[in-house]
Amino acid sequence: MSAKESNPISCFEAEKVMEKALDIGEAMLCSGAEILRVEDTIMRICLAYGDGIVDVFTILSLIILSWHTTDDKNYTQTRRIYSYSTNLKKLEELNALSRYICEEKPSCDFIEEQVERIMYEKDTKKTGSAVLLFGNVLGAAGFAVFFGGMLRDGIAAGIAAVFLYLWMNFYQKHSSNRVMFTLLTSFVAGFICILMVRLGIGVNQDKVMIGIIMLLIPGINMMNSLRDMICGDIITGMLKLAESLMVAVAIAGGFALAIILAGFLAIPFVG
């Protein structure tokens, strides 16, 4: 009999370990981790603290963890996921933390502190916001010029990207429906692009819009959905693909509404 089997974990310890394992799994899923990585991480953390049979089921919106411990007791916990995004820096830190947990088996308080530090650290948020804003401006301007626009179109797309970032940073906190959020954001982005051209900053309205649209297209989610299906997670892959297609339709609808409204208002050109 191994050392772990001779000293089975108590009910309180098992539930506490499961809670912290779910915390890390939720943080990884919210940071853009693939399903296999989330399930494997949760399973390894639980088995690092005790033996038994661990089963994990994960989809985009839910994690179910079941643990049959060596003292012949069954525990089950679930975690509802309401939103997720892609943050590879956080994901890398969470991966490193999970490996440290499996090797060193620290206290649950330590795990809680580290997860909160990774997910909510103020300095990281400030740095990440500045980098994200710069990336949005550079991406929008670069794509506008790449697809045949003039330098003025790139400048207009860059300015529109700043307004789009400020809008998303404010409104995303108050929205839980990703499709409706994308529809409204696309409408605002399209209207800003039209204004940039009508004010004489940009020249080609379609090129400015292309630069902004490239910031909204859910390309990563589409690729992740194919990867999940190839890896055997058919349900999760289909959910991601369906959501990505709905978001793509919302983007097209939002820009179409902006063009229709601008034509209805007959906003004049400047210059």
C-alpha atoms as a PDB file:
ATOM      1  CA  MET A   1       0.000   0.000   0.000  1.00  0.00           C
ATOM      2  CA  SER A   2       1.373   3.410  -0.959  1.00  0.00           C
ATOM      3  CA  ALA A   3       1.828   6.297   1.457  1.00  0.00           C
ATOM      4  CA  LYS A   4      -1.131   8.117  -0.050  1.00  0.00           C
ATOM      5  CA  GLU A   5      -3.372   5.075   0.373  1.00  0.00           C
ATOM      6  CA  SER A   6      -2.346   4.586   4.014  1.00  0.00           C
ATOM      7  CA  ASN A   7      -3.362   8.169   4.795  1.00  0.00           C
ATOM      8  CA  PRO A   8      -6.581   8.814   2.866  1.00  0.00           C
ATOM      9  CA  ILE A   9      -7.716  12.404   2.515  1.00  0.00           C
ATOM     10  CA  SER A  10     -10.583  13.588   4.676  1.00  0.00           C
ATOM     11  CA  CYS A  11     -13.884  14.948   3.381  1.00  0.00           C
ATOM     12  CA  PHE A  12     -12.883  18.550   4.060  1.00  0.00           C
ATOM     13  CA  GLU A  13      -9.521  18.140   2.360  1.00  0.00           C
ATOM     14  CA  ALA A  14     -11.025  16.465  -0.695  1.00  0.00           C
ATOM     15  CA  GLU A  15     -13.628  19.168  -1.181  1.00  0.00           C
ATOM     16  CA  LYS A  16     -11.040  21.903  -0.656  1.00  0.00           C
ATOM     17  CA  VAL A  17      -8.649  20.401  -3.191  1.00  0.00           C
ATOM     18  CA  MET A  18     -11.482  20.010  -5.697  1.00  0.00           C
ATOM     19  CA  GLU A  19     -12.491  23.633  -5.165  1.00  0.00           C
ATOM     20  CA  LYS A  20      -8.983  24.897  -5.870  1.00  0.00           C
ATOM     21  CA  ALA A  21      -8.556  22.557  -8.831  1.00  0.00           C
ATOM     22  CA  LEU A  22     -11.771  23.973 -10.280  1.00  0.00           C
ATOM     23  CA  ASP A  23     -10.506  27.508  -9.639  1.00  0.00           C
ATOM     24  CA  ILE A  24      -7.455  26.821 -11.781  1.00  0.00           C
ATOM     25  CA  GLY A  25      -9.505  24.992 -14.401  1.00  0.00           C
ATOM     26  CA  GLU A  26     -11.973  27.872 -14.619  1.00  0.00           C
ATOM     27  CA  ALA A  27      -9.146  30.412 -14.889  1.00  0.00           C
ATOM     28  CA  MET A  28      -7.511  28.403 -17.676  1.00  0.00           C
ATOM     29  CA  LEU A  29     -10.778  28.009 -19.579  1.00  0.00           C
ATOM     30  CA  CYS A  30     -11.502  31.738 -19.236  1.00  0.00           C
ATOM     31  CA  SER A  31      -8.004  32.456 -20.607  1.00  0.00           C
ATOM     32  CA  GLY A  32      -8.525  30.409 -23.771  1.00  0.00           C
ATOM     33  CA  ALA A  33      -7.135  26.987 -22.862  1.00  0.00           C
ATOM     34  CA  GLU A  34      -8.257  23.954 -24.847  1.00  0.00           C
ATOM     35  CA  ILE A  35     -10.583  21.455 -23.177  1.00  0.00           C
ATOM     36  CA  LEU A  36      -8.012  18.668 -22.961  1.00  0.00           C
ATOM     37  CA  ARG A  37      -5.586  20.929 -21.105  1.00  0.00           C
ATOM     38  CA  VAL A  38      -8.246  22.010 -18.599  1.00  0.00           C
ATOM     39  CA  GLU A  39      -9.384  18.459 -17.865  1.00  0.00           C
ATOM     40  CA  ASP A  40      -5.846  17.096 -17.588  1.00  0.00           C
ATOM     41  CA  THR A  41      -4.794  19.907 -15.224  1.00  0.00           C
ATOM     42  CA  ILE A  42      -7.751  19.401 -12.890  1.00  0.00           C
ATOM     43  CA  MET A  43      -7.199  15.639 -12.825  1.00  0.00           C
ATOM     44  CA  ARG A  44      -3.466  15.913 -12.102  1.00  0.00           C
ATOM     45  CA  ILE A  45      -3.997  18.400  -9.255  1.00  0.00           C
ATOM     46  CA  CYS A  46      -6.552  16.160  -7.557  1.00  0.00           C
ATOM     47  CA  LEU A  47      -4.390  13.046  -7.902  1.00  0.00           C
ATOM     48  CA  ALA A  48      -1.370  14.941  -6.583  1.00  0.00           C
ATOM     49  CA  TYR A  49      -3.122  15.267  -3.204  1.00  0.00           C
ATOM     50  CA  GLY A  50      -4.712  11.820  -3.018  1.00  0.00           C
ATOM     51  CA  ASP A  51      -5.467   8.621  -4.896  1.00  0.00           C
ATOM     52  CA  GLY A  52      -8.757   7.479  -6.291  1.00  0.00           C
ATOM     53  CA  ILE A  53     -10.766   7.860  -9.477  1.00  0.00           C
ATOM     54  CA  VAL A  54     -11.117  11.379 -10.876  1.00  0.00           C
ATOM     55  CA  ASP A  55     -13.504  12.166 -13.731  1.00  0.00           C
ATOM     56  CA  VAL A  56     -13.717  15.595 -15.359  1.00  0.00           C
ATOM     57  CA  PHE A  57     -16.218  16.751 -17.969  1.00  0.00           C
ATOM     58  CA  THR A  58     -15.737  20.185 -19.502  1.00  0.00           C
ATOM     59  CA  ILE A  59     -17.526  22.253 -22.100  1.00  0.00           C
ATOM     60  CA  LEU A  60     -17.383  25.995 -22.744  1.00  0.00           C
ATOM     61  CA  SER A  61     -19.916  26.877 -20.074  1.00  0.00           C
ATOM     62  CA  LEU A  62     -19.525  24.119 -17.478  1.00  0.00           C
ATOM     63  CA  ILE A  63     -16.958  22.017 -15.609  1.00  0.00           C
ATOM     64  CA  ILE A  64     -18.090  18.904 -13.726  1.00  0.00           C
ATOM     65  CA  LEU A  65     -15.593  17.230 -11.379  1.00  0.00           C
ATOM     66  CA  SER A  66     -16.222  13.875  -9.683  1.00  0.00           C
ATOM     67  CA  TRP A  67     -13.757  12.180  -7.287  1.00  0.00           C
ATOM     68  CA  HIS A  68     -14.103   8.702  -5.791  1.00  0.00           C
ATOM     69  CA  THR A  69     -11.442   8.741  -3.057  1.00  0.00           C
ATOM     70  CA  THR A  70      -9.561   5.863  -1.450  1.00  0.00           C
ATOM     71  CA  ASP A  71     -11.765   6.025   1.656  1.00  0.00           C
ATOM     72  CA  ASP A  72     -14.681   4.955  -0.596  1.00  0.00           C
ATOM     73  CA  LYS A  73     -16.425   8.324  -0.656  1.00  0.00           C
ATOM     74  CA  ASN A  74     -17.743  10.197  -3.665  1.00  0.00           C
ATOM     75  CA  TYR A  75     -17.533  13.959  -4.150  1.00  0.00           C
ATOM     76  CA  THR A  76     -18.895  16.036  -7.019  1.00  0.00           C
ATOM     77  CA  GLN A  77     -18.548  19.734  -7.720  1.00  0.00           C
ATOM     78  CA  THR A  78     -19.573  21.835 -10.702  1.00  0.00           C
ATOM     79  CA  ARG A  79     -18.445  25.221 -11.932  1.00  0.00           C
ATOM     80  CA  ARG A  80     -20.489  27.429 -14.291  1.00  0.00           C
ATOM     81  CA  ILE A  81     -18.463  29.474 -16.788  1.00  0.00           C
ATOM     82  CA  TYR A  82     -20.132  32.686 -17.934  1.00  0.00           C
ATOM     83  CA  SER A  83     -17.518  34.277 -20.180  1.00  0.00           C
ATOM     84  CA  TYR A  84     -14.115  33.562 -21.656  1.00  0.00           C
ATOM     85  CA  SER A  85     -11.473  35.224 -23.788  1.00  0.00           C
ATOM     86  CA  THR A  86      -7.897  34.600 -24.942  1.00  0.00           C
ATOM     87  CA  ASN A  87      -4.950  35.610 -22.770  1.00  0.00           C
ATOM     88  CA  LEU A  88      -1.850  33.532 -23.450  1.00  0.00           C
ATOM     89  CA  LYS A  89       0.183  35.283 -20.747  1.00  0.00           C
ATOM     90  CA  LYS A  90      -2.262  34.267 -18.030  1.00  0.00           C
ATOM     91  CA  LEU A  91      -2.490  30.788 -19.512  1.00  0.00           C
ATOM     92  CA  GLU A  92       1.286  30.371 -19.386  1.00  0.00           C
ATOM     93  CA  GLU A  93       1.370  31.449 -15.728  1.00  0.00           C
ATOM     94  CA  LEU A  94      -1.484  29.103 -14.837  1.00  0.00           C
ATOM     95  CA  ASN A  95       0.323  26.219 -16.540  1.00  0.00           C
ATOM     96  CA  ALA A  96       3.445  26.951 -14.502  1.00  0.00           C
ATOM     97  CA  LEU A  97       1.360  27.151 -11.316  1.00  0.00           C
ATOM     98  CA  SER A  98      -0.334  23.815 -11.996  1.00  0.00           C
ATOM     99  CA  ARG A  99       3.018  22.107 -12.528  1.00  0.00           C
ATOM    100  CA  TYR A 100       4.321  23.602  -9.267  1.00  0.00           C
ATOM    101  CA  ILE A 101       1.209  22.395  -7.420  1.00  0.00           C
ATOM    102  CA  CYS A 102       1.638  18.839  -8.677  1.00  0.00           C
ATOM    103  CA  GLU A 103       5.298  18.785  -7.639  1.00  0.00           C
ATOM    104  CA  GLU A 104       5.241  20.654  -4.314  1.00  0.00           C
ATOM    105  CA  LYS A 105       1.618  20.177  -3.118  1.00  0.00           C
ATOM    106  CA  PRO A 106       1.305  23.623  -1.459  1.00  0.00           C
ATOM    107  CA  SER A 107      -1.535  24.698   0.819  1.00  0.00           C
ATOM    108  CA  CYS A 108      -4.919  25.661  -0.577  1.00  0.00           C
ATOM    109  CA  ASP A 109      -4.422  29.217   0.692  1.00  0.00           C
ATOM    110  CA  PHE A 110      -1.274  29.506  -1.407  1.00  0.00           C
ATOM    111  CA  ILE A 111      -3.129  28.262  -4.502  1.00  0.00           C
ATOM    112  CA  GLU A 112      -5.924  30.773  -3.941  1.00  0.00           C
ATOM    113  CA  GLU A 113      -3.455  33.649  -3.572  1.00  0.00           C
ATOM    114  CA  GLN A 114      -1.588  32.699  -6.749  1.00  0.00           C
ATOM    115  CA  VAL A 115      -4.737  32.345  -8.849  1.00  0.00           C
ATOM    116  CA  GLU A 116      -5.986  35.746  -7.682  1.00  0.00           C
ATOM    117  CA  ARG A 117      -2.585  37.276  -8.396  1.00  0.00           C
ATOM    118  CA  ILE A 118      -2.557  35.919 -11.948  1.00  0.00           C
ATOM    119  CA  MET A 119      -6.153  36.804 -12.800  1.00  0.00           C
ATOM    120  CA  TYR A 120      -6.561  40.153 -11.024  1.00  0.00           C
ATOM    121  CA  GLU A 121      -3.125  41.735 -10.669  1.00  0.00           C
ATOM    122  CA  LYS A 122      -3.446  45.490 -11.289  1.00  0.00           C
ATOM    123  CA  ASP A 123      -0.035  46.020 -12.893  1.00  0.00           C
ATOM    124  CA  THR A 124      -0.699  43.217 -15.353  1.00  0.00           C
ATOM    125  CA  LYS A 125      -4.050  44.761 -16.286  1.00  0.00           C
ATOM    126  CA  LYS A 126      -2.499  48.187 -16.932  1.00  0.00           C
ATOM    127  CA  THR A 127       0.310  46.753 -19.054  1.00  0.00           C
ATOM    128  CA  GLY A 128      -2.062  44.428 -20.886  1.00  0.00           C
ATOM    129  CA  SER A 129      -4.479  47.278 -21.658  1.00  0.00           C
ATOM    130  CA  ALA A 130      -1.736  49.441 -23.155  1.00  0.00           C
ATOM    131  CA  VAL A 131      -0.410  46.578 -25.263  1.00  0.00           C
ATOM    132  CA  LEU A 132      -3.924  45.653 -26.404  1.00  0.00           C
ATOM    133  CA  LEU A 133      -4.721  49.238 -27.390  1.00  0.00           C
ATOM    134  CA  PHE A 134      -1.473  49.532 -29.349  1.00  0.00           C
ATOM    135  CA  GLY A 135      -2.138  46.186 -31.017  1.00  0.00           C
ATOM    136  CA  ASN A 136      -5.647  47.236 -32.035  1.00  0.00           C
ATOM    137  CA  VAL A 137      -4.411  50.486 -33.582  1.00  0.00           C
ATOM    138  CA  LEU A 138      -1.522  48.787 -35.374  1.00  0.00           C
ATOM    139  CA  GLY A 139      -3.688  45.913 -36.593  1.00  0.00           C
ATOM    140  CA  ALA A 140      -6.533  48.085 -37.883  1.00  0.00           C
ATOM    141  CA  ALA A 141      -4.204  50.525 -39.632  1.00  0.00           C
ATOM    142  CA  GLY A 142      -2.058  47.748 -41.081  1.00  0.00           C
ATOM    143  CA  PHE A 143      -4.962  45.732 -42.474  1.00  0.00           C
ATOM    144  CA  ALA A 144      -6.600  48.829 -43.955  1.00  0.00           C
ATOM    145  CA  VAL A 145      -3.434  49.589 -45.940  1.00  0.00           C
ATOM    146  CA  PHE A 146      -2.727  45.912 -46.684  1.00  0.00           C
ATOM    147  CA  PHE A 147      -6.086  45.451 -48.415  1.00  0.00           C
ATOM    148  CA  GLY A 148      -5.483  48.366 -50.785  1.00  0.00           C
ATOM    149  CA  GLY A 149      -6.210  51.433 -48.699  1.00  0.00           C
ATOM    150  CA  MET A 150      -4.236  54.662 -48.662  1.00  0.00           C
ATOM    151  CA  LEU A 151      -2.161  55.946 -45.757  1.00  0.00           C
ATOM    152  CA  ARG A 152      -5.074  58.185 -44.760  1.00  0.00           C
ATOM    153  CA  ASP A 153      -7.287  55.099 -44.594  1.00  0.00           C
ATOM    154  CA  GLY A 154      -4.790  53.483 -42.236  1.00  0.00           C
ATOM    155  CA  ILE A 155      -4.788  56.579 -40.028  1.00  0.00           C
ATOM    156  CA  ALA A 156      -8.592  56.662 -40.014  1.00  0.00           C
ATOM    157  CA  ALA A 157      -8.757  52.971 -39.126  1.00  0.00           C
ATOM    158  CA  GLY A 158      -6.246  53.515 -36.313  1.00  0.00           C
ATOM    159  CA  ILE A 159      -8.304  56.355 -34.846  1.00  0.00           C
ATOM    160  CA  ALA A 160     -11.471  54.287 -35.154  1.00  0.00           C
ATOM    161  CA  ALA A 161      -9.680  51.435 -33.359  1.00  0.00           C
ATOM    162  CA  VAL A 162      -9.031  53.710 -30.374  1.00  0.00           C
ATOM    163  CA  PHE A 163     -12.723  54.587 -30.090  1.00  0.00           C
ATOM    164  CA  LEU A 164     -13.636  50.930 -30.581  1.00  0.00           C
ATOM    165  CA  TYR A 165     -11.280  49.871 -27.790  1.00  0.00           C
ATOM    166  CA  LEU A 166     -12.736  52.451 -25.395  1.00  0.00           C
ATOM    167  CA  TRP A 167     -16.268  51.360 -26.273  1.00  0.00           C
ATOM    168  CA  MET A 168     -15.483  47.661 -25.796  1.00  0.00           C
ATOM    169  CA  ASN A 169     -13.625  48.302 -22.558  1.00  0.00           C
ATOM    170  CA  PHE A 170     -16.662  50.099 -21.144  1.00  0.00           C
ATOM    171  CA  TYR A 171     -19.579  48.126 -22.547  1.00  0.00           C
ATOM    172  CA  GLN A 172     -18.150  44.598 -22.218  1.00  0.00           C
ATOM    173  CA  LYS A 173     -18.370  44.861 -18.417  1.00  0.00           C
ATOM    174  CA  HIS A 174     -22.127  45.335 -18.672  1.00  0.00           C
ATOM    175  CA  SER A 175     -22.880  42.656 -21.261  1.00  0.00           C
ATOM    176  CA  SER A 176     -23.196  38.893 -20.775  1.00  0.00           C
ATOM    177  CA  ASN A 177     -24.567  38.070 -24.251  1.00  0.00           C
ATOM    178  CA  ARG A 178     -21.626  37.825 -26.619  1.00  0.00           C
ATOM    179  CA  VAL A 179     -23.695  37.849 -29.823  1.00  0.00           C
ATOM    180  CA  MET A 180     -25.663  40.977 -28.890  1.00  0.00           C
ATOM    181  CA  PHE A 181     -22.478  42.613 -27.643  1.00  0.00           C
ATOM    182  CA  THR A 182     -20.805  41.908 -31.002  1.00  0.00           C
ATOM    183  CA  LEU A 183     -23.821  43.196 -32.944  1.00  0.00           C
ATOM    184  CA  LEU A 184     -23.904  46.490 -31.057  1.00  0.00           C
ATOM    185  CA  THR A 185     -20.106  46.843 -31.130  1.00  0.00           C
ATOM    186  CA  SER A 186     -20.026  46.225 -34.899  1.00  0.00           C
ATOM    187  CA  PHE A 187     -22.741  48.834 -35.405  1.00  0.00           C
ATOM    188  CA  VAL A 188     -20.775  51.402 -33.388  1.00  0.00           C
ATOM    189  CA  ALA A 189     -17.522  50.477 -35.178  1.00  0.00           C
ATOM    190  CA  GLY A 190     -19.153  50.755 -38.604  1.00  0.00           C
ATOM    191  CA  PHE A 191     -20.656  54.141 -37.796  1.00  0.00           C
ATOM    192  CA  ILE A 192     -17.282  55.421 -36.548  1.00  0.00           C
ATOM    193  CA  CYS A 193     -15.623  54.236 -39.773  1.00  0.00           C
ATOM    194  CA  ILE A 194     -18.209  56.099 -41.835  1.00  0.00           C
ATOM    195  CA  LEU A 195     -17.663  59.248 -39.784  1.00  0.00           C
ATOM    196  CA  MET A 196     -13.891  58.983 -40.281  1.00  0.00           C
ATOM    197  CA  VAL A 197     -14.408  59.074 -44.048  1.00  0.00           C
ATOM    198  CA  ARG A 198     -17.158  61.710 -44.026  1.00  0.00           C
ATOM    199  CA  LEU A 199     -14.950  63.964 -41.871  1.00  0.00           C
ATOM    200  CA  GLY A 200     -12.196  63.759 -44.471  1.00  0.00           C
ATOM    201  CA  ILE A 201      -9.717  61.723 -42.429  1.00  0.00           C
ATOM    202  CA  GLY A 202     -10.096  58.560 -44.489  1.00  0.00           C
ATOM    203  CA  VAL A 203     -10.674  58.179 -48.232  1.00  0.00           C
ATOM    204  CA  ASN A 204     -12.041  54.688 -48.880  1.00  0.00           C
ATOM    205  CA  GLN A 205     -14.852  53.726 -46.544  1.00  0.00           C
ATOM    206  CA  ASP A 206     -14.646  50.020 -47.360  1.00  0.00           C
ATOM    207  CA  LYS A 207     -10.908  49.845 -46.618  1.00  0.00           C
ATOM    208  CA  VAL A 208     -11.326  51.554 -43.256  1.00  0.00           C
ATOM    209  CA  MET A 209     -14.104  49.119 -42.396  1.00  0.00           C
ATOM    210  CA  ILE A 210     -11.976  46.138 -43.417  1.00  0.00           C
ATOM    211  CA  GLY A 211      -9.265  47.257 -40.994  1.00  0.00           C
ATOM    212  CA  ILE A 212     -11.768  47.405 -38.117  1.00  0.00           C
ATOM    213  CA  ILE A 213     -13.578  44.193 -39.070  1.00  0.00           C
ATOM    214  CA  MET A 214     -10.296  42.271 -38.795  1.00  0.00           C
ATOM    215  CA  LEU A 215     -10.214  43.165 -35.083  1.00  0.00           C
ATOM    216  CA  LEU A 216     -13.625  41.609 -34.495  1.00  0.00           C
ATOM    217  CA  ILE A 217     -13.489  38.391 -36.516  1.00  0.00           C
ATOM    218  CA  PRO A 218     -13.405  35.355 -34.148  1.00  0.00           C
ATOM    219  CA  GLY A 219     -10.556  33.624 -35.979  1.00  0.00           C
ATOM    220  CA  ILE A 220      -8.999  32.075 -32.873  1.00  0.00           C
ATOM    221  CA  ASN A 221     -12.310  30.566 -31.784  1.00  0.00           C
ATOM    222  CA  MET A 222     -12.863  29.050 -35.221  1.00  0.00           C
ATOM    223  CA  MET A 223      -9.425  27.433 -35.212  1.00  0.00           C
ATOM    224  CA  ASN A 224      -9.901  26.226 -31.625  1.00  0.00           C
ATOM    225  CA  SER A 225     -13.226  24.652 -32.564  1.00  0.00           C
ATOM    226  CA  LEU A 226     -11.567  22.630 -35.327  1.00  0.00           C
ATOM    227  CA  ARG A 227      -8.740  21.635 -32.993  1.00  0.00           C
ATOM    228  CA  ASP A 228     -11.194  20.459 -30.326  1.00  0.00           C
ATOM    229  CA  MET A 229     -13.130  18.364 -32.832  1.00  0.00           C
ATOM    230  CA  ILE A 230      -9.938  16.814 -34.192  1.00  0.00           C
ATOM    231  CA  CYS A 231      -8.876  15.968 -30.616  1.00  0.00           C
ATOM    232  CA  GLY A 232     -12.193  14.208 -29.993  1.00  0.00           C
ATOM    233  CA  ASP A 233     -14.105  16.936 -28.114  1.00  0.00           C
ATOM    234  CA  ILE A 234     -16.918  17.033 -30.650  1.00  0.00           C
ATOM    235  CA  ILE A 235     -19.479  18.734 -28.413  1.00  0.00           C
ATOM    236  CA  THR A 236     -17.159  21.563 -27.392  1.00  0.00           C
ATOM    237  CA  GLY A 237     -15.883  21.992 -30.946  1.00  0.00           C
ATOM    238  CA  MET A 238     -19.394  22.269 -32.348  1.00  0.00           C
ATOM    239  CA  LEU A 239     -20.394  24.751 -29.632  1.00  0.00           C
ATOM    240  CA  LYS A 240     -17.380  26.940 -30.399  1.00  0.00           C
ATOM    241  CA  LEU A 241     -17.999  26.729 -34.143  1.00  0.00           C
ATOM    242  CA  ALA A 242     -21.683  27.614 -33.755  1.00  0.00           C
ATOM    243  CA  GLU A 243     -20.828  30.571 -31.536  1.00  0.00           C
ATOM    244  CA  SER A 244     -18.148  31.762 -33.974  1.00  0.00           C
ATOM    245  CA  LEU A 245     -20.598  31.638 -36.887  1.00  0.00           C
ATOM    246  CA  MET A 246     -23.206  33.550 -34.883  1.00  0.00           C
ATOM    247  CA  VAL A 247     -20.601  36.174 -33.987  1.00  0.00           C
ATOM    248  CA  ALA A 248     -19.589  36.466 -37.667  1.00  0.00           C
ATOM    249  CA  VAL A 249     -23.229  37.028 -38.645  1.00  0.00           C
ATOM    250  CA  ALA A 250     -23.551  39.633 -35.869  1.00  0.00           C
ATOM    251  CA  ILE A 251     -20.483  41.464 -37.206  1.00  0.00           C
ATOM    252  CA  ALA A 252     -21.935  41.593 -40.717  1.00  0.00           C
ATOM    253  CA  GLY A 253     -25.323  42.686 -39.380  1.00  0.00           C
ATOM    254  CA  GLY A 254     -23.845  45.450 -37.254  1.00  0.00           C
ATOM    255  CA  PHE A 255     -21.869  46.991 -40.112  1.00  0.00           C
ATOM    256  CA  ALA A 256     -24.854  46.654 -42.449  1.00  0.00           C
ATOM    257  CA  LEU A 257     -27.071  48.521 -39.982  1.00  0.00           C
ATOM    258  CA  ALA A 258     -24.449  51.273 -39.681  1.00  0.00           C
ATOM    259  CA  ILE A 259     -24.319  51.708 -43.462  1.00  0.00           C
ATOM    260  CA  ILE A 260     -28.118  51.779 -43.710  1.00  0.00           C
ATOM    261  CA  LEU A 261     -28.427  54.336 -40.906  1.00  0.00           C
ATOM    262  CA  ALA A 262     -25.690  56.545 -42.395  1.00  0.00           C
ATOM    263  CA  GLY A 263     -27.493  56.498 -45.721  1.00  0.00           C
ATOM    264  CA  PHE A 264     -30.804  57.297 -44.039  1.00  0.00           C
ATOM    265  CA  LEU A 265     -29.271  60.226 -42.160  1.00  0.00           C
ATOM    266  CA  ALA A 266     -27.434  61.359 -45.320  1.00  0.00           C
ATOM    267  CA  ILE A 267     -24.314  62.420 -43.422  1.00  0.00           C
ATOM    268  CA  PRO A 268     -22.474  64.843 -45.738  1.00  0.00           C
ATOM    269  CA  PHE A 269     -18.789  64.638 -46.629  1.00  0.00           C
ATOM    270  CA  VAL A 270     -16.426  67.264 -45.223  1.00  0.00           C
ATOM    271  CA  GLY A 271     -14.070  68.867 -47.715  1.00  0.00           C
END
